[in-house]
Protein backbone atom coordinates (compact mmCIF):
# COMPACT_ATOMS: atom_id res chain seq x y z
CA MET A 1 0.00 0.00 0.00
CA ALA A 2 1.34 3.40 -0.96
CA SER A 3 1.97 5.99 1.71
CA VAL A 4 2.89 9.62 1.92
CA LEU A 5 4.67 10.69 5.09
CA GLY A 6 3.55 7.46 6.72
CA ILE A 7 -0.11 8.12 5.98
CA SER A 8 -1.98 5.55 3.95
CA VAL A 9 -3.18 7.16 0.74
CA ALA A 10 -6.00 4.61 0.43
CA ALA A 11 -7.22 5.31 3.97
CA ALA A 12 -7.18 9.08 3.35
CA ALA A 13 -9.13 8.59 0.11
CA GLU A 14 -11.82 6.62 1.96
CA ASN A 15 -12.27 9.49 4.40
CA ALA A 16 -12.76 12.35 1.95
CA PHE A 17 -14.60 15.47 3.11
CA THR A 18 -15.51 18.77 1.49
CA LEU A 19 -16.00 22.25 2.91
CA THR A 20 -17.33 25.09 0.82
CA ILE A 21 -16.85 28.82 1.25
CA LYS A 22 -19.78 30.92 0.05
CA ASP A 23 -20.59 34.48 1.05
CA HIS A 24 -17.49 34.30 3.29
CA ARG A 25 -18.92 31.46 5.41
CA PHE A 26 -17.97 27.80 5.64
CA GLU A 27 -20.52 25.08 4.96
CA PRO A 28 -20.73 22.99 7.01
CA ALA A 29 -19.39 25.05 9.92
CA GLU A 30 -18.85 21.81 11.85
CA LEU A 31 -17.27 18.92 9.97
CA ARG A 32 -17.13 15.52 11.68
CA VAL A 33 -14.28 13.18 10.77
CA PRO A 34 -13.26 9.83 12.24
CA ALA A 35 -10.62 10.08 14.96
CA ASN A 36 -7.25 8.39 14.54
CA GLN A 37 -7.61 7.96 10.78
CA PRO A 38 -6.10 9.99 7.96
CA ALA A 39 -8.53 11.99 5.87
CA THR A 40 -8.62 14.20 2.82
CA LEU A 41 -10.16 17.64 3.08
CA THR A 42 -11.12 19.63 0.00
CA VAL A 43 -11.99 23.29 0.53
CA LYS A 44 -13.96 24.82 -2.36
CA ASN A 45 -14.06 28.59 -2.52
CA LEU A 46 -17.28 29.47 -4.37
CA ASP A 47 -16.79 33.21 -3.81
CA ALA A 48 -15.20 35.42 -6.45
CA THR A 49 -12.61 36.71 -3.96
CA PRO A 50 -9.71 34.78 -2.39
CA GLU A 51 -9.87 33.38 1.14
CA GLU A 52 -7.10 32.16 3.40
CA PHE A 53 -8.00 28.85 5.05
CA GLU A 54 -6.12 28.77 8.34
CA SER A 55 -6.03 26.34 11.23
CA LYS A 56 -3.15 26.35 13.67
CA SER A 57 -4.35 23.12 15.29
CA LEU A 58 -4.57 21.36 11.90
CA ARG A 59 -1.32 23.01 10.80
CA ILE A 60 -2.86 24.34 7.58
CA GLU A 61 -2.53 27.81 6.11
CA LYS A 62 -3.30 28.39 2.44
CA VAL A 63 -4.77 31.11 0.28
CA ILE A 64 -7.48 29.71 -1.98
CA PRO A 65 -8.21 31.96 -4.97
CA GLY A 66 -11.81 32.80 -5.84
CA ASN A 67 -13.74 30.05 -7.65
CA SER A 68 -11.01 27.56 -6.84
CA GLU A 69 -10.30 24.71 -4.48
CA ALA A 70 -7.47 23.20 -2.46
CA THR A 71 -7.08 19.68 -1.09
CA PHE A 72 -5.24 18.76 2.10
CA THR A 73 -4.33 15.45 3.70
CA LEU A 74 -5.20 15.49 7.39
CA ARG A 75 -2.97 13.48 9.68
CA PRO A 76 -4.80 11.05 11.99
CA LEU A 77 -6.41 13.35 14.57
CA LYS A 78 -7.00 12.56 18.22
CA SER A 79 -10.60 13.00 19.35
CA GLY A 80 -11.33 16.67 19.79
CA ARG A 81 -12.19 19.95 18.14
CA TYR A 82 -9.90 21.71 15.67
CA LYS A 83 -10.87 25.29 14.85
CA PHE A 84 -10.40 26.88 11.44
CA VAL A 85 -11.06 30.33 10.03
CA GLY A 86 -11.04 32.19 6.77
CA GLU A 87 -8.46 34.75 7.75
CA PHE A 88 -9.62 37.36 5.22
CA HIS A 89 -13.17 37.31 6.72
CA GLU A 90 -12.48 35.97 10.19
CA ASP A 91 -15.63 37.52 11.70
CA ALA A 92 -17.89 35.37 9.48
CA ALA A 93 -15.75 32.53 8.11
CA LYS A 94 -15.09 30.15 10.98
CA GLY A 95 -15.76 26.57 11.94
CA GLU A 96 -14.43 23.39 13.49
CA VAL A 97 -13.31 19.94 12.47
CA ILE A 98 -14.61 17.52 15.10
CA ALA A 99 -12.69 14.25 15.29
CA GLU A 100 -14.70 11.54 17.02
C-alpha cells in the first residue's frame, strides 16, 4: 500500500470530506471526521474573492483563490475539536473539524 509521510493514501481517500466557502462562510461550519484515521479535506471557494484557510491546530494555512479549491491530507487526529477560520473574513468565516 502506498503511503505519503507514513499516511496511507488509500485510507485518506476513503475518508474524503468537502467544505465550501460561500458568502465568506464555511458550509458545514462543523465537519465531523473519524478520529485516529487519515482523511482528505477539500476546501472549495465558491466566492469570487480569495480566502485564506487557516487552522493552527490542523497546521494548515493556504490562500485559496476565488472560484477555486485546495485539497489537504489530514494526519490522523485525536478526538477533539480543531478550529479553522477564513483569515480574510475571520468575523464570518469560521468553523471546526470535530474528530470523534
